[in-house]
């Protein structure tokens, strides 16, 4: 029986079969463009140190002011 609250029933059923909860499955199935490939961000290696520092600040990485570019990349990837 179709659920009118679920926008993508096939995706919802597939997520439930994988063991996702009803709530999480519904959230994902009701998200526009869910399942499509993500953003177009360039790799961290192509970012400037200032851009990396700003991103580290946004996500709350401590000690970022003393980090070099390589350390900032590592911290962002492992945060």
PDB file of N, CA and C in Angstrom:
ATOM      1  N   UNK A   1       0.855  -1.189   0.000  1.00  0.00           N
ATOM      2  CA  UNK A   1       0.000   0.000   0.000  1.00  0.00           C
ATOM      3  C   UNK A   1       0.892   1.241   0.000  1.00  0.00           C
ATOM      4  N   UNK A   2       0.764   2.093  -1.000  1.00  0.00           N
ATOM      5  CA  UNK A   2       1.602   3.287  -1.083  1.00  0.00           C
ATOM      6  C   UNK A   2       1.342   4.247   0.081  1.00  0.00           C
ATOM      7  N   UNK A   3       2.411   4.870   0.520  1.00  0.00           N
ATOM      8  CA  UNK A   3       2.331   5.859   1.591  1.00  0.00           C
ATOM      9  C   UNK A   3       2.402   7.236   0.959  1.00  0.00           C
ATOM     10  N   UNK A   4       1.358   8.057   1.092  1.00  0.00           N
ATOM     11  CA  UNK A   4       1.365   9.371   0.440  1.00  0.00           C
ATOM     12  C   UNK A   4       2.426  10.320   0.988  1.00  0.00           C
ATOM     13  N   UNK A   5       2.996  10.007   2.158  1.00  0.00           N
ATOM     14  CA  UNK A   5       4.025  10.868   2.739  1.00  0.00           C
ATOM     15  C   UNK A   5       5.409  10.580   2.170  1.00  0.00           C
ATOM     16  N   UNK A   6       5.569   9.466   1.456  1.00  0.00           N
ATOM     17  CA  UNK A   6       6.853   9.078   0.880  1.00  0.00           C
ATOM     18  C   UNK A   6       6.860   9.455  -0.597  1.00  0.00           C
ATOM     19  N   UNK A   7       7.833  10.291  -0.995  1.00  0.00           N
ATOM     20  CA  UNK A   7       7.898  10.769  -2.378  1.00  0.00           C
ATOM     21  C   UNK A   7       8.526   9.745  -3.320  1.00  0.00           C
ATOM     22  N   UNK A   8       9.468   8.944  -2.813  1.00  0.00           N
ATOM     23  CA  UNK A   8      10.154   7.973  -3.663  1.00  0.00           C
ATOM     24  C   UNK A   8      10.050   6.608  -2.985  1.00  0.00           C
ATOM     25  N   UNK A   9       8.948   5.898  -3.258  1.00  0.00           N
ATOM     26  CA  UNK A   9       8.674   4.610  -2.609  1.00  0.00           C
ATOM     27  C   UNK A   9       9.760   3.570  -2.876  1.00  0.00           C
ATOM     28  N   UNK A  10      10.257   3.520  -4.121  1.00  0.00           N
ATOM     29  CA  UNK A  10      11.276   2.524  -4.464  1.00  0.00           C
ATOM     30  C   UNK A  10      12.544   2.744  -3.643  1.00  0.00           C
ATOM     31  N   UNK A  11      12.955   3.993  -3.521  1.00  0.00           N
ATOM     32  CA  UNK A  11      14.149   4.302  -2.742  1.00  0.00           C
ATOM     33  C   UNK A  11      13.908   3.992  -1.264  1.00  0.00           C
ATOM     34  N   UNK A  12      12.732   4.349  -0.764  1.00  0.00           N
ATOM     35  CA  UNK A  12      12.369   4.072   0.626  1.00  0.00           C
ATOM     36  C   UNK A  12      12.458   2.569   0.901  1.00  0.00           C
ATOM     37  N   UNK A  13      11.856   1.755   0.032  1.00  0.00           N
ATOM     38  CA  UNK A  13      11.866   0.304   0.218  1.00  0.00           C
ATOM     39  C   UNK A  13      13.288  -0.262   0.168  1.00  0.00           C
ATOM     40  N   UNK A  14      14.100   0.257  -0.740  1.00  0.00           N
ATOM     41  CA  UNK A  14      15.487  -0.212  -0.839  1.00  0.00           C
ATOM     42  C   UNK A  14      16.269   0.116   0.434  1.00  0.00           C
ATOM     43  N   UNK A  15      16.049   1.298   0.981  1.00  0.00           N
ATOM     44  CA  UNK A  15      16.732   1.681   2.217  1.00  0.00           C
ATOM     45  C   UNK A  15      16.266   0.837   3.390  1.00  0.00           C
ATOM     46  N   UNK A  16      14.976   0.552   3.450  1.00  0.00           N
ATOM     47  CA  UNK A  16      14.448  -0.293   4.518  1.00  0.00           C
ATOM     48  C   UNK A  16      15.048  -1.701   4.418  1.00  0.00           C
ATOM     49  N   UNK A  17      15.190  -2.199   3.183  1.00  0.00           N
ATOM     50  CA  UNK A  17      15.783  -3.527   2.973  1.00  0.00           C
ATOM     51  C   UNK A  17      17.236  -3.567   3.432  1.00  0.00           C
ATOM     52  N   UNK A  18      17.922  -2.420   3.365  1.00  0.00           N
ATOM     53  CA  UNK A  18      19.308  -2.341   3.824  1.00  0.00           C
ATOM     54  C   UNK A  18      19.404  -2.217   5.339  1.00  0.00           C
ATOM     55  N   UNK A  19      18.256  -2.041   6.004  1.00  0.00           N
ATOM     56  CA  UNK A  19      18.258  -1.964   7.454  1.00  0.00           C
ATOM     57  C   UNK A  19      18.129  -0.571   8.039  1.00  0.00           C
ATOM     58  N   UNK A  20      17.903   0.428   7.194  1.00  0.00           N
ATOM     59  CA  UNK A  20      17.711   1.788   7.686  1.00  0.00           C
ATOM     60  C   UNK A  20      16.379   1.865   8.439  1.00  0.00           C
ATOM     61  N   UNK A  21      16.299   2.766   9.412  1.00  0.00           N
ATOM     62  CA  UNK A  21      15.057   2.961  10.150  1.00  0.00           C
ATOM     63  C   UNK A  21      14.000   3.574   9.236  1.00  0.00           C
ATOM     64  N   UNK A  22      12.743   3.485   9.661  1.00  0.00           N
ATOM     65  CA  UNK A  22      11.667   4.090   8.876  1.00  0.00           C
ATOM     66  C   UNK A  22      11.884   5.594   8.746  1.00  0.00           C
ATOM     67  N   UNK A  23      12.272   6.232   9.842  1.00  0.00           N
ATOM     68  CA  UNK A  23      12.462   7.683   9.838  1.00  0.00           C
ATOM     69  C   UNK A  23      13.578   8.104   8.889  1.00  0.00           C
ATOM     70  N   UNK A  24      14.733   7.423   8.985  1.00  0.00           N
ATOM     71  CA  UNK A  24      15.864   7.789   8.133  1.00  0.00           C
ATOM     72  C   UNK A  24      15.548   7.492   6.666  1.00  0.00           C
ATOM     73  N   UNK A  25      14.910   6.369   6.410  1.00  0.00           N
ATOM     74  CA  UNK A  25      14.538   6.014   5.036  1.00  0.00           C
ATOM     75  C   UNK A  25      13.596   7.050   4.443  1.00  0.00           C
ATOM     76  N   UNK A  26      12.619   7.492   5.236  1.00  0.00           N
ATOM     77  CA  UNK A  26      11.666   8.497   4.759  1.00  0.00           C
ATOM     78  C   UNK A  26      12.357   9.824   4.506  1.00  0.00           C
ATOM     79  N   UNK A  27      13.265  10.208   5.402  1.00  0.00           N
ATOM     80  CA  UNK A  27      13.988  11.473   5.230  1.00  0.00           C
ATOM     81  C   UNK A  27      14.775  11.469   3.927  1.00  0.00           C
ATOM     82  N   UNK A  28      15.478  10.386   3.668  1.00  0.00           N
ATOM     83  CA  UNK A  28      16.291  10.298   2.458  1.00  0.00           C
ATOM     84  C   UNK A  28      15.400  10.246   1.221  1.00  0.00           C
ATOM     85  N   UNK A  29      14.356   9.421   1.266  1.00  0.00           N
ATOM     86  CA  UNK A  29      13.472   9.255   0.106  1.00  0.00           C
ATOM     87  C   UNK A  29      12.692  10.527  -0.213  1.00  0.00           C
ATOM     88  N   UNK A  30      12.519  11.397   0.764  1.00  0.00           N
ATOM     89  CA  UNK A  30      11.777  12.637   0.542  1.00  0.00           C
ATOM     90  C   UNK A  30      12.674  13.820   0.204  1.00  0.00           C
ATOM     91  N   UNK A  31      13.981  13.606   0.180  1.00  0.00           N
ATOM     92  CA  UNK A  31      14.918  14.671  -0.151  1.00  0.00           C
ATOM     93  C   UNK A  31      15.017  14.814  -1.671  1.00  0.00           C
ATOM     94  N   UNK A  32      14.823  16.019  -2.179  1.00  0.00           N
ATOM     95  CA  UNK A  32      14.949  16.203  -3.633  1.00  0.00           C
ATOM     96  C   UNK A  32      16.357  15.823  -4.106  1.00  0.00           C
ATOM     97  N   UNK A  33      16.434  15.129  -5.194  1.00  0.00           N
ATOM     98  CA  UNK A  33      17.707  14.724  -5.805  1.00  0.00           C
ATOM     99  C   UNK A  33      18.532  13.791  -4.928  1.00  0.00           C
ATOM    100  N   UNK A  34      17.924  13.131  -3.946  1.00  0.00           N
ATOM    101  CA  UNK A  34      18.666  12.195  -3.104  1.00  0.00           C
ATOM    102  C   UNK A  34      19.200  11.061  -3.966  1.00  0.00           C
ATOM    103  N   UNK A  35      20.411  10.675  -3.695  1.00  0.00           N
ATOM    104  CA  UNK A  35      21.033   9.593  -4.436  1.00  0.00           C
ATOM    105  C   UNK A  35      21.834  10.038  -5.634  1.00  0.00           C
ATOM    106  N   UNK A  36      21.739  11.303  -5.982  1.00  0.00           N
ATOM    107  CA  UNK A  36      22.549  11.803  -7.091  1.00  0.00           C
ATOM    108  C   UNK A  36      23.930  12.169  -6.577  1.00  0.00           C
ATOM    109  N   UNK A  37      24.896  12.141  -7.472  1.00  0.00           N
ATOM    110  CA  UNK A  37      26.264  12.428  -7.093  1.00  0.00           C
ATOM    111  C   UNK A  37      26.381  13.819  -6.483  1.00  0.00           C
ATOM    112  N   UNK A  38      27.240  13.931  -5.498  1.00  0.00           N
ATOM    113  CA  UNK A  38      27.381  15.151  -4.707  1.00  0.00           C
ATOM    114  C   UNK A  38      27.984  16.337  -5.421  1.00  0.00           C
ATOM    115  N   UNK A  39      28.480  17.264  -4.601  1.00  0.00           N
ATOM    116  CA  UNK A  39      28.954  18.554  -5.074  1.00  0.00           C
ATOM    117  C   UNK A  39      30.180  18.493  -5.964  1.00  0.00           C
ATOM    118  N   UNK A  40      30.605  19.639  -6.354  1.00  0.00           N
ATOM    119  CA  UNK A  40      31.720  19.776  -7.291  1.00  0.00           C
ATOM    120  C   UNK A  40      32.925  20.444  -6.643  1.00  0.00           C
ATOM    121  N   UNK A  41      33.083  20.251  -5.330  1.00  0.00           N
ATOM    122  CA  UNK A  41      34.199  20.884  -4.632  1.00  0.00           C
ATOM    123  C   UNK A  41      35.523  20.336  -5.141  1.00  0.00           C
ATOM    124  N   UNK A  42      36.497  21.222  -5.244  1.00  0.00           N
ATOM    125  CA  UNK A  42      37.822  20.797  -5.688  1.00  0.00           C
ATOM    126  C   UNK A  42      38.543  20.114  -4.520  1.00  0.00           C
ATOM    127  N   UNK A  43      39.522  19.262  -4.793  1.00  0.00           N
ATOM    128  CA  UNK A  43      40.248  18.576  -3.724  1.00  0.00           C
ATOM    129  C   UNK A  43      40.974  19.581  -2.826  1.00  0.00           C
ATOM    130  N   UNK A  44      41.120  19.217  -1.545  1.00  0.00           N
ATOM    131  CA  UNK A  44      41.787  20.111  -0.592  1.00  0.00           C
ATOM    132  C   UNK A  44      43.169  20.552  -1.068  1.00  0.00           C
ATOM    133  N   UNK A  45      43.853  19.691  -1.804  1.00  0.00           N
ATOM    134  CA  UNK A  45      45.193  20.050  -2.286  1.00  0.00           C
ATOM    135  C   UNK A  45      45.165  21.275  -3.198  1.00  0.00           C
ATOM    136  N   UNK A  46      44.042  21.534  -3.832  1.00  0.00           N
ATOM    137  CA  UNK A  46      43.904  22.687  -4.721  1.00  0.00           C
ATOM    138  C   UNK A  46      43.443  23.954  -3.991  1.00  0.00           C
ATOM    139  N   UNK A  47      43.103  23.837  -2.711  1.00  0.00           N
ATOM    140  CA  UNK A  47      42.667  24.989  -1.921  1.00  0.00           C
ATOM    141  C   UNK A  47      43.887  25.774  -1.468  1.00  0.00           C
ATOM    142  N   UNK A  48      43.697  27.064  -1.233  1.00  0.00           N
ATOM    143  CA  UNK A  48      44.769  27.861  -0.640  1.00  0.00           C
ATOM    144  C   UNK A  48      44.806  27.582   0.857  1.00  0.00           C
ATOM    145  N   UNK A  49      45.916  27.950   1.499  1.00  0.00           N
ATOM    146  CA  UNK A  49      46.016  27.767   2.942  1.00  0.00           C
ATOM    147  C   UNK A  49      44.930  28.577   3.648  1.00  0.00           C
ATOM    148  N   UNK A  50      44.626  29.755   3.132  1.00  0.00           N
ATOM    149  CA  UNK A  50      43.594  30.602   3.728  1.00  0.00           C
ATOM    150  C   UNK A  50      42.213  29.945   3.641  1.00  0.00           C
ATOM    151  N   UNK A  51      41.927  29.313   2.506  1.00  0.00           N
ATOM    152  CA  UNK A  51      40.648  28.610   2.356  1.00  0.00           C
ATOM    153  C   UNK A  51      40.567  27.434   3.316  1.00  0.00           C
ATOM    154  N   UNK A  52      41.661  26.699   3.438  1.00  0.00           N
ATOM    155  CA  UNK A  52      41.704  25.559   4.363  1.00  0.00           C
ATOM    156  C   UNK A  52      41.526  26.031   5.799  1.00  0.00           C
ATOM    157  N   UNK A  53      42.194  27.130   6.157  1.00  0.00           N
ATOM    158  CA  UNK A  53      42.087  27.682   7.500  1.00  0.00           C
ATOM    159  C   UNK A  53      40.634  28.082   7.796  1.00  0.00           C
ATOM    160  N   UNK A  54      39.990  28.717   6.839  1.00  0.00           N
ATOM    161  CA  UNK A  54      38.610  29.141   7.012  1.00  0.00           C
ATOM    162  C   UNK A  54      37.684  27.940   7.213  1.00  0.00           C
ATOM    163  N   UNK A  55      37.906  26.899   6.423  1.00  0.00           N
ATOM    164  CA  UNK A  55      37.094  25.677   6.565  1.00  0.00           C
ATOM    165  C   UNK A  55      37.354  25.028   7.921  1.00  0.00           C
ATOM    166  N   UNK A  56      38.605  24.991   8.347  1.00  0.00           N
ATOM    167  CA  UNK A  56      38.941  24.421   9.651  1.00  0.00           C
ATOM    168  C   UNK A  56      38.271  25.218  10.768  1.00  0.00           C
ATOM    169  N   UNK A  57      38.213  26.508  10.597  1.00  0.00           N
ATOM    170  CA  UNK A  57      37.542  27.366  11.580  1.00  0.00           C
ATOM    171  C   UNK A  57      36.046  27.060  11.615  1.00  0.00           C
ATOM    172  N   UNK A  58      35.449  26.893  10.440  1.00  0.00           N
ATOM    173  CA  UNK A  58      34.010  26.593  10.348  1.00  0.00           C
ATOM    174  C   UNK A  58      33.639  25.292  11.051  1.00  0.00           C
ATOM    175  N   UNK A  59      34.513  24.299  10.972  1.00  0.00           N
ATOM    176  CA  UNK A  59      34.196  23.013  11.594  1.00  0.00           C
ATOM    177  C   UNK A  59      34.773  22.875  12.997  1.00  0.00           C
ATOM    178  N   UNK A  60      35.465  23.913  13.480  1.00  0.00           N
ATOM    179  CA  UNK A  60      35.917  23.941  14.868  1.00  0.00           C
ATOM    180  C   UNK A  60      37.170  23.146  15.173  1.00  0.00           C
ATOM    181  N   UNK A  61      38.129  23.142  14.277  1.00  0.00           N
ATOM    182  CA  UNK A  61      39.386  22.421  14.505  1.00  0.00           C
ATOM    183  C   UNK A  61      40.297  23.294  15.365  1.00  0.00           C
ATOM    184  N   UNK A  62      40.693  22.750  16.509  1.00  0.00           N
ATOM    185  CA  UNK A  62      41.584  23.465  17.418  1.00  0.00           C
ATOM    186  C   UNK A  62      43.026  23.409  16.929  1.00  0.00           C
ATOM    187  N   UNK A  63      43.799  24.462  17.212  1.00  0.00           N
ATOM    188  CA  UNK A  63      45.203  24.509  16.841  1.00  0.00           C
ATOM    189  C   UNK A  63      45.449  24.840  15.387  1.00  0.00           C
ATOM    190  N   UNK A  64      44.424  25.246  14.682  1.00  0.00           N
ATOM    191  CA  UNK A  64      44.547  25.490  13.233  1.00  0.00           C
ATOM    192  C   UNK A  64      45.503  26.622  12.890  1.00  0.00           C
ATOM    193  N   UNK A  65      45.645  27.587  13.783  1.00  0.00           N
ATOM    194  CA  UNK A  65      46.494  28.742  13.472  1.00  0.00           C
ATOM    195  C   UNK A  65      47.969  28.367  13.383  1.00  0.00           C
ATOM    196  N   UNK A  66      48.352  27.250  14.000  1.00  0.00           N
ATOM    197  CA  UNK A  66      49.751  26.812  13.975  1.00  0.00           C
ATOM    198  C   UNK A  66      50.009  25.744  12.921  1.00  0.00           C
ATOM    199  N   UNK A  67      48.974  25.367  12.177  1.00  0.00           N
ATOM    200  CA  UNK A  67      49.116  24.284  11.194  1.00  0.00           C
ATOM    201  C   UNK A  67      49.557  24.828   9.836  1.00  0.00           C
ATOM    202  N   UNK A  68      50.359  24.007   9.146  1.00  0.00           N
ATOM    203  CA  UNK A  68      50.689  24.328   7.763  1.00  0.00           C
ATOM    204  C   UNK A  68      49.598  23.733   6.863  1.00  0.00           C
ATOM    205  N   UNK A  69      49.729  23.935   5.571  1.00  0.00           N
ATOM    206  CA  UNK A  69      48.700  23.498   4.628  1.00  0.00           C
ATOM    207  C   UNK A  69      48.452  21.989   4.727  1.00  0.00           C
ATOM    208  N   UNK A  70      49.507  21.211   4.766  1.00  0.00           N
ATOM    209  CA  UNK A  70      49.380  19.754   4.831  1.00  0.00           C
ATOM    210  C   UNK A  70      48.678  19.307   6.114  1.00  0.00           C
ATOM    211  N   UNK A  71      49.005  19.953   7.216  1.00  0.00           N
ATOM    212  CA  UNK A  71      48.374  19.617   8.500  1.00  0.00           C
ATOM    213  C   UNK A  71      46.890  20.006   8.507  1.00  0.00           C
ATOM    214  N   UNK A  72      46.564  21.137   7.880  1.00  0.00           N
ATOM    215  CA  UNK A  72      45.165  21.534   7.786  1.00  0.00           C
ATOM    216  C   UNK A  72      44.364  20.520   6.967  1.00  0.00           C
ATOM    217  N   UNK A  73      44.927  20.066   5.850  1.00  0.00           N
ATOM    218  CA  UNK A  73      44.266  19.057   5.018  1.00  0.00           C
ATOM    219  C   UNK A  73      44.025  17.793   5.832  1.00  0.00           C
ATOM    220  N   UNK A  74      45.031  17.324   6.523  1.00  0.00           N
ATOM    221  CA  UNK A  74      44.923  16.129   7.338  1.00  0.00           C
ATOM    222  C   UNK A  74      43.855  16.298   8.425  1.00  0.00           C
ATOM    223  N   UNK A  75      43.858  17.447   9.095  1.00  0.00           N
ATOM    224  CA  UNK A  75      42.878  17.701  10.158  1.00  0.00           C
ATOM    225  C   UNK A  75      41.460  17.731   9.595  1.00  0.00           C
ATOM    226  N   UNK A  76      41.266  18.347   8.438  1.00  0.00           N
ATOM    227  CA  UNK A  76      39.940  18.414   7.839  1.00  0.00           C
ATOM    228  C   UNK A  76      39.450  17.038   7.414  1.00  0.00           C
ATOM    229  N   UNK A  77      40.332  16.219   6.901  1.00  0.00           N
ATOM    230  CA  UNK A  77      39.933  14.885   6.456  1.00  0.00           C
ATOM    231  C   UNK A  77      39.652  13.949   7.615  1.00  0.00           C
ATOM    232  N   UNK A  78      40.248  14.197   8.749  1.00  0.00           N
ATOM    233  CA  UNK A  78      40.103  13.290   9.881  1.00  0.00           C
ATOM    234  C   UNK A  78      39.215  13.852  10.982  1.00  0.00           C
ATOM    235  N   UNK A  79      38.533  14.931  10.685  1.00  0.00           N
ATOM    236  CA  UNK A  79      37.658  15.543  11.674  1.00  0.00           C
ATOM    237  C   UNK A  79      36.334  14.834  11.755  1.00  0.00           C
TER     238      UNK A  79
END
